[in-house]
N, C-alpha and C. Protein backbone atom coordinates (compact mmCIF):
# COMPACT_ATOMS: atom_id res chain seq x y z
N VAL A 1 -15.49 -8.90 -1.57
CA VAL A 1 -14.66 -7.70 -1.47
C VAL A 1 -13.89 -7.54 -2.78
N GLN A 2 -13.99 -6.36 -3.36
CA GLN A 2 -13.27 -6.07 -4.59
C GLN A 2 -12.28 -4.95 -4.36
N LEU A 3 -11.06 -5.17 -4.81
CA LEU A 3 -9.99 -4.19 -4.67
C LEU A 3 -9.34 -3.97 -6.01
N GLN A 4 -9.07 -2.73 -6.34
CA GLN A 4 -8.46 -2.38 -7.62
C GLN A 4 -7.35 -1.37 -7.36
N ALA A 5 -6.11 -1.82 -7.51
CA ALA A 5 -4.96 -0.94 -7.30
C ALA A 5 -4.53 -0.30 -8.61
N SER A 6 -4.03 0.94 -8.51
CA SER A 6 -3.55 1.65 -9.69
C SER A 6 -2.53 2.70 -9.25
N GLY A 7 -1.87 3.29 -10.24
CA GLY A 7 -0.97 4.40 -9.95
C GLY A 7 0.51 4.10 -10.07
N GLY A 8 0.85 2.86 -10.33
CA GLY A 8 2.26 2.52 -10.47
C GLY A 8 2.86 3.12 -11.72
N GLY A 9 4.19 3.05 -11.80
CA GLY A 9 4.86 3.59 -12.97
C GLY A 9 6.36 3.64 -12.76
N LEU A 10 7.02 4.33 -13.67
CA LEU A 10 8.48 4.50 -13.63
C LEU A 10 8.80 5.90 -13.13
N VAL A 11 9.67 5.98 -12.15
CA VAL A 11 10.04 7.28 -11.58
C VAL A 11 11.53 7.25 -11.23
N GLN A 12 12.15 8.40 -11.27
CA GLN A 12 13.56 8.50 -10.88
C GLN A 12 13.69 8.52 -9.35
N ALA A 13 14.82 8.10 -8.88
CA ALA A 13 15.09 8.15 -7.45
C ALA A 13 14.90 9.57 -6.93
N GLY A 14 14.26 9.67 -5.78
CA GLY A 14 13.94 10.97 -5.21
C GLY A 14 12.57 11.49 -5.60
N GLY A 15 11.96 10.83 -6.56
CA GLY A 15 10.66 11.26 -7.04
C GLY A 15 9.51 10.73 -6.19
N SER A 16 8.29 10.99 -6.66
CA SER A 16 7.08 10.61 -5.92
C SER A 16 6.08 9.91 -6.82
N LEU A 17 5.28 9.07 -6.21
CA LEU A 17 4.14 8.44 -6.86
C LEU A 17 3.03 8.31 -5.83
N ARG A 18 1.79 8.30 -6.31
CA ARG A 18 0.67 8.03 -5.43
C ARG A 18 -0.11 6.83 -5.95
N LEU A 19 -0.19 5.81 -5.16
CA LEU A 19 -0.97 4.63 -5.49
C LEU A 19 -2.37 4.78 -4.93
N SER A 20 -3.33 4.23 -5.66
CA SER A 20 -4.72 4.25 -5.22
C SER A 20 -5.26 2.83 -5.18
N CYS A 21 -6.17 2.58 -4.26
CA CYS A 21 -6.82 1.29 -4.18
C CYS A 21 -8.31 1.53 -4.01
N ALA A 22 -9.08 1.24 -5.03
CA ALA A 22 -10.54 1.36 -4.94
C ALA A 22 -11.07 0.12 -4.23
N THR A 23 -11.92 0.35 -3.25
CA THR A 23 -12.40 -0.77 -2.44
C THR A 23 -13.92 -0.75 -2.34
N SER A 24 -14.49 -1.92 -2.22
CA SER A 24 -15.94 -2.02 -2.11
C SER A 24 -16.40 -2.11 -0.66
N VAL A 25 -15.44 -2.09 0.29
CA VAL A 25 -15.78 -2.19 1.71
C VAL A 25 -14.99 -1.19 2.53
N ARG A 26 -15.53 -0.84 3.69
CA ARG A 26 -14.82 0.05 4.61
C ARG A 26 -14.15 -0.82 5.67
N TYR A 27 -13.07 -1.44 5.29
CA TYR A 27 -12.31 -2.34 6.14
C TYR A 27 -10.95 -1.74 6.47
N THR A 28 -10.25 -2.35 7.39
CA THR A 28 -8.84 -2.05 7.60
C THR A 28 -8.09 -2.46 6.33
N MET A 29 -7.24 -1.57 5.85
CA MET A 29 -6.58 -1.77 4.56
C MET A 29 -5.06 -1.78 4.75
N GLY A 30 -4.41 -2.51 3.87
CA GLY A 30 -2.95 -2.55 3.93
C GLY A 30 -2.34 -2.47 2.55
N TRP A 31 -1.10 -2.05 2.51
CA TRP A 31 -0.29 -2.10 1.28
C TRP A 31 0.89 -3.02 1.55
N PHE A 32 1.15 -3.86 0.59
CA PHE A 32 2.29 -4.76 0.63
C PHE A 32 3.06 -4.60 -0.68
N ARG A 33 4.29 -5.09 -0.70
CA ARG A 33 5.05 -5.06 -1.94
C ARG A 33 5.87 -6.34 -2.06
N GLN A 34 6.16 -6.66 -3.30
CA GLN A 34 6.96 -7.84 -3.57
C GLN A 34 7.92 -7.55 -4.71
N ALA A 35 9.19 -7.58 -4.40
CA ALA A 35 10.23 -7.39 -5.40
C ALA A 35 10.57 -8.74 -6.02
N PRO A 36 11.11 -8.73 -7.24
CA PRO A 36 11.48 -9.99 -7.89
C PRO A 36 12.42 -10.83 -7.03
N GLY A 37 12.06 -12.09 -6.84
CA GLY A 37 12.91 -12.98 -6.07
C GLY A 37 12.83 -12.82 -4.57
N LYS A 38 11.93 -11.95 -4.11
CA LYS A 38 11.80 -11.70 -2.68
C LYS A 38 10.39 -12.02 -2.20
N GLU A 39 10.25 -12.17 -0.89
CA GLU A 39 8.94 -12.42 -0.32
C GLU A 39 8.12 -11.14 -0.26
N ARG A 40 6.81 -11.31 -0.21
CA ARG A 40 5.93 -10.15 -0.06
C ARG A 40 6.16 -9.55 1.32
N GLU A 41 6.25 -8.23 1.39
CA GLU A 41 6.51 -7.58 2.66
C GLU A 41 5.50 -6.48 2.94
N PHE A 42 5.24 -6.28 4.20
CA PHE A 42 4.33 -5.25 4.67
C PHE A 42 4.90 -3.87 4.40
N VAL A 43 4.04 -2.95 3.98
CA VAL A 43 4.45 -1.56 3.77
C VAL A 43 3.73 -0.62 4.74
N ALA A 44 2.40 -0.67 4.75
CA ALA A 44 1.63 0.23 5.60
C ALA A 44 0.21 -0.31 5.75
N SER A 45 -0.44 0.10 6.85
CA SER A 45 -1.84 -0.25 7.01
C SER A 45 -2.56 0.88 7.72
N ILE A 46 -3.87 0.94 7.51
CA ILE A 46 -4.72 1.95 8.12
C ILE A 46 -6.01 1.26 8.52
N ASN A 47 -6.47 1.52 9.75
CA ASN A 47 -7.65 0.79 10.19
C ASN A 47 -8.91 1.40 9.56
N TRP A 48 -10.05 0.79 9.79
CA TRP A 48 -11.27 1.16 9.08
C TRP A 48 -11.68 2.61 9.34
N SER A 49 -11.34 3.14 10.53
CA SER A 49 -11.73 4.51 10.87
C SER A 49 -10.68 5.53 10.47
N GLY A 50 -9.49 5.05 10.10
CA GLY A 50 -8.41 5.97 9.75
C GLY A 50 -7.64 6.50 10.94
N ILE A 51 -8.00 6.05 12.14
CA ILE A 51 -7.34 6.56 13.34
C ILE A 51 -6.00 5.88 13.59
N ARG A 52 -5.94 4.59 13.30
CA ARG A 52 -4.71 3.84 13.56
C ARG A 52 -3.98 3.58 12.25
N ILE A 53 -2.70 3.89 12.25
CA ILE A 53 -1.86 3.74 11.08
C ILE A 53 -0.54 3.08 11.50
N ASP A 54 0.00 2.27 10.64
CA ASP A 54 1.27 1.59 10.91
C ASP A 54 2.10 1.57 9.65
N TYR A 55 3.42 1.70 9.80
CA TYR A 55 4.33 1.69 8.67
C TYR A 55 5.49 0.74 8.94
N ALA A 56 6.00 0.15 7.88
CA ALA A 56 7.25 -0.57 7.97
C ALA A 56 8.36 0.45 8.20
N ASP A 57 9.38 0.05 8.94
CA ASP A 57 10.48 0.96 9.23
C ASP A 57 11.14 1.47 7.95
N SER A 58 11.17 0.66 6.93
CA SER A 58 11.86 1.02 5.69
C SER A 58 11.19 2.15 4.92
N VAL A 59 9.92 2.43 5.23
CA VAL A 59 9.21 3.48 4.50
C VAL A 59 8.75 4.61 5.41
N LYS A 60 8.92 4.46 6.71
CA LYS A 60 8.46 5.46 7.66
C LYS A 60 9.13 6.80 7.38
N GLY A 61 8.33 7.85 7.32
CA GLY A 61 8.84 9.18 7.02
C GLY A 61 8.87 9.51 5.53
N ARG A 62 8.68 8.50 4.68
CA ARG A 62 8.69 8.72 3.23
C ARG A 62 7.33 8.41 2.61
N PHE A 63 6.63 7.43 3.14
CA PHE A 63 5.33 7.03 2.61
C PHE A 63 4.22 7.46 3.56
N THR A 64 3.06 7.77 2.98
CA THR A 64 1.90 8.14 3.79
C THR A 64 0.67 7.38 3.29
N ILE A 65 0.03 6.65 4.18
CA ILE A 65 -1.21 5.96 3.84
C ILE A 65 -2.38 6.81 4.31
N SER A 66 -3.43 6.84 3.52
CA SER A 66 -4.62 7.61 3.89
C SER A 66 -5.83 6.97 3.22
N ARG A 67 -7.00 7.41 3.64
CA ARG A 67 -8.21 6.88 3.03
C ARG A 67 -9.23 7.99 2.86
N ASP A 68 -10.01 7.89 1.80
CA ASP A 68 -11.11 8.79 1.53
C ASP A 68 -12.34 7.90 1.38
N ASP A 69 -13.09 7.75 2.45
CA ASP A 69 -14.22 6.82 2.42
C ASP A 69 -15.37 7.33 1.55
N ALA A 70 -15.41 8.63 1.31
CA ALA A 70 -16.43 9.16 0.40
C ALA A 70 -16.18 8.66 -1.02
N LYS A 71 -14.90 8.40 -1.32
CA LYS A 71 -14.53 7.90 -2.64
C LYS A 71 -14.22 6.40 -2.62
N ASN A 72 -14.37 5.77 -1.45
CA ASN A 72 -14.06 4.34 -1.32
C ASN A 72 -12.66 4.03 -1.83
N THR A 73 -11.70 4.85 -1.46
CA THR A 73 -10.35 4.71 -1.96
C THR A 73 -9.33 4.87 -0.84
N VAL A 74 -8.32 4.04 -0.89
CA VAL A 74 -7.18 4.14 0.02
C VAL A 74 -5.96 4.51 -0.82
N TYR A 75 -5.13 5.40 -0.29
CA TYR A 75 -3.98 5.92 -1.03
C TYR A 75 -2.67 5.54 -0.34
N LEU A 76 -1.63 5.48 -1.14
CA LEU A 76 -0.28 5.36 -0.61
C LEU A 76 0.56 6.41 -1.33
N GLN A 77 0.83 7.50 -0.65
CA GLN A 77 1.70 8.55 -1.19
C GLN A 77 3.14 8.15 -0.91
N MET A 78 3.92 8.03 -1.95
CA MET A 78 5.30 7.60 -1.82
C MET A 78 6.23 8.72 -2.27
N ASP A 79 6.99 9.26 -1.35
CA ASP A 79 7.93 10.33 -1.62
C ASP A 79 9.35 9.85 -1.38
N SER A 80 10.31 10.61 -1.90
CA SER A 80 11.73 10.28 -1.73
C SER A 80 11.99 8.82 -2.09
N LEU A 81 11.47 8.42 -3.22
CA LEU A 81 11.58 7.02 -3.63
C LEU A 81 13.03 6.63 -3.89
N LYS A 82 13.31 5.37 -3.57
CA LYS A 82 14.65 4.81 -3.73
C LYS A 82 14.57 3.60 -4.67
N PRO A 83 15.66 3.26 -5.32
CA PRO A 83 15.64 2.07 -6.20
C PRO A 83 15.17 0.81 -5.46
N GLU A 84 15.46 0.71 -4.19
CA GLU A 84 15.04 -0.47 -3.44
C GLU A 84 13.54 -0.50 -3.16
N ASP A 85 12.82 0.56 -3.52
CA ASP A 85 11.36 0.54 -3.42
C ASP A 85 10.72 -0.12 -4.64
N THR A 86 11.53 -0.45 -5.64
CA THR A 86 11.01 -1.10 -6.83
C THR A 86 10.38 -2.44 -6.48
N ALA A 87 9.11 -2.60 -6.87
CA ALA A 87 8.36 -3.82 -6.54
C ALA A 87 6.97 -3.72 -7.14
N ALA A 88 6.27 -4.85 -7.11
CA ALA A 88 4.84 -4.83 -7.36
C ALA A 88 4.16 -4.52 -6.04
N TYR A 89 3.27 -3.55 -6.04
CA TYR A 89 2.58 -3.14 -4.82
C TYR A 89 1.14 -3.65 -4.86
N TYR A 90 0.71 -4.21 -3.73
CA TYR A 90 -0.62 -4.79 -3.61
C TYR A 90 -1.38 -4.14 -2.47
N CYS A 91 -2.67 -3.89 -2.69
CA CYS A 91 -3.51 -3.47 -1.57
C CYS A 91 -4.31 -4.69 -1.10
N ALA A 92 -4.65 -4.67 0.17
CA ALA A 92 -5.34 -5.80 0.78
C ALA A 92 -6.31 -5.29 1.82
N ALA A 93 -7.31 -6.09 2.13
CA ALA A 93 -8.34 -5.71 3.10
C ALA A 93 -8.52 -6.80 4.14
N THR A 94 -8.80 -6.37 5.38
CA THR A 94 -9.09 -7.29 6.47
C THR A 94 -10.21 -6.72 7.32
N SER A 95 -11.03 -7.59 7.88
CA SER A 95 -12.12 -7.14 8.74
C SER A 95 -11.65 -6.86 10.17
N ALA A 96 -10.36 -7.04 10.44
CA ALA A 96 -9.82 -6.73 11.77
C ALA A 96 -10.01 -5.25 12.08
N ASN A 97 -10.23 -4.94 13.33
CA ASN A 97 -10.40 -3.53 13.73
C ASN A 97 -9.06 -2.81 13.88
N ALA A 98 -8.05 -3.52 14.30
CA ALA A 98 -6.75 -2.90 14.51
C ALA A 98 -5.90 -3.03 13.26
N VAL A 99 -4.85 -2.23 13.19
CA VAL A 99 -3.92 -2.38 12.08
C VAL A 99 -3.12 -3.66 12.28
N VAL A 100 -2.88 -4.36 11.22
CA VAL A 100 -2.12 -5.60 11.27
C VAL A 100 -1.06 -5.58 10.19
N ARG A 101 -0.04 -6.43 10.36
CA ARG A 101 1.08 -6.45 9.44
C ARG A 101 1.21 -7.77 8.68
N ALA A 102 0.67 -8.82 9.21
CA ALA A 102 0.87 -10.13 8.59
C ALA A 102 -0.02 -10.29 7.37
N ALA A 103 0.59 -10.71 6.27
CA ALA A 103 -0.18 -10.89 5.04
C ALA A 103 -1.29 -11.91 5.25
N GLY A 104 -1.05 -12.89 6.08
CA GLY A 104 -2.05 -13.92 6.32
C GLY A 104 -3.29 -13.41 7.03
N ASP A 105 -3.23 -12.21 7.62
CA ASP A 105 -4.39 -11.64 8.29
C ASP A 105 -5.32 -10.90 7.33
N PHE A 106 -4.87 -10.74 6.09
CA PHE A 106 -5.68 -10.04 5.09
C PHE A 106 -6.36 -11.07 4.20
N GLY A 107 -7.67 -10.99 4.10
CA GLY A 107 -8.42 -11.99 3.37
C GLY A 107 -8.68 -11.67 1.91
N SER A 108 -8.52 -10.41 1.55
CA SER A 108 -8.81 -9.99 0.18
C SER A 108 -7.65 -9.18 -0.37
N TRP A 109 -7.34 -9.43 -1.64
CA TRP A 109 -6.19 -8.79 -2.27
C TRP A 109 -6.58 -8.25 -3.63
N GLY A 110 -5.99 -7.11 -3.96
CA GLY A 110 -6.12 -6.58 -5.31
C GLY A 110 -4.98 -7.09 -6.18
N GLN A 111 -5.04 -6.76 -7.46
CA GLN A 111 -3.93 -7.11 -8.33
C GLN A 111 -2.79 -6.14 -8.07
N GLY A 112 -1.60 -6.49 -8.41
CA GLY A 112 -0.45 -5.64 -8.16
C GLY A 112 -0.35 -4.50 -9.16
N THR A 113 0.29 -3.43 -8.71
CA THR A 113 0.64 -2.34 -9.61
C THR A 113 2.14 -2.13 -9.48
N LEU A 114 2.83 -2.07 -10.61
CA LEU A 114 4.28 -2.10 -10.61
C LEU A 114 4.87 -0.71 -10.43
N VAL A 115 5.79 -0.61 -9.50
CA VAL A 115 6.53 0.62 -9.26
C VAL A 115 8.00 0.35 -9.55
N THR A 116 8.57 1.14 -10.44
CA THR A 116 9.98 1.00 -10.79
C THR A 116 10.68 2.32 -10.53
N VAL A 117 11.71 2.28 -9.70
CA VAL A 117 12.47 3.48 -9.35
C VAL A 117 13.86 3.34 -9.94
N SER A 118 14.20 4.24 -10.83
CA SER A 118 15.50 4.19 -11.48
C SER A 118 16.51 5.05 -10.73
N SER A 119 17.75 4.63 -10.77
CA SER A 119 18.79 5.36 -10.04
C SER A 119 19.42 6.43 -10.90
């Protein structure tokens, strides 16, 4: 399984970014983030069919996960960004059918893409 995340950058608070994750498989996908000095945390996941979606409470209503299987890409649209969203964002894949939140349930990981939100 190959995953390639992109789309990070510097944005002002209240702004938007869209992260992309190119994937070689049609698996259940997740986004996680890790801020400096903090543990990796779940952000969002979408199952292989796109029917089931889950969000962390901290991003619900601001972030949207989606997938375009014709392009083998999973997206994370991030709106109303806050300084506390600053982190390295990682996409991950799991063969599980349902959406999952635990990092240990994901067997494949892409490299991180850095998101910095200035106040």
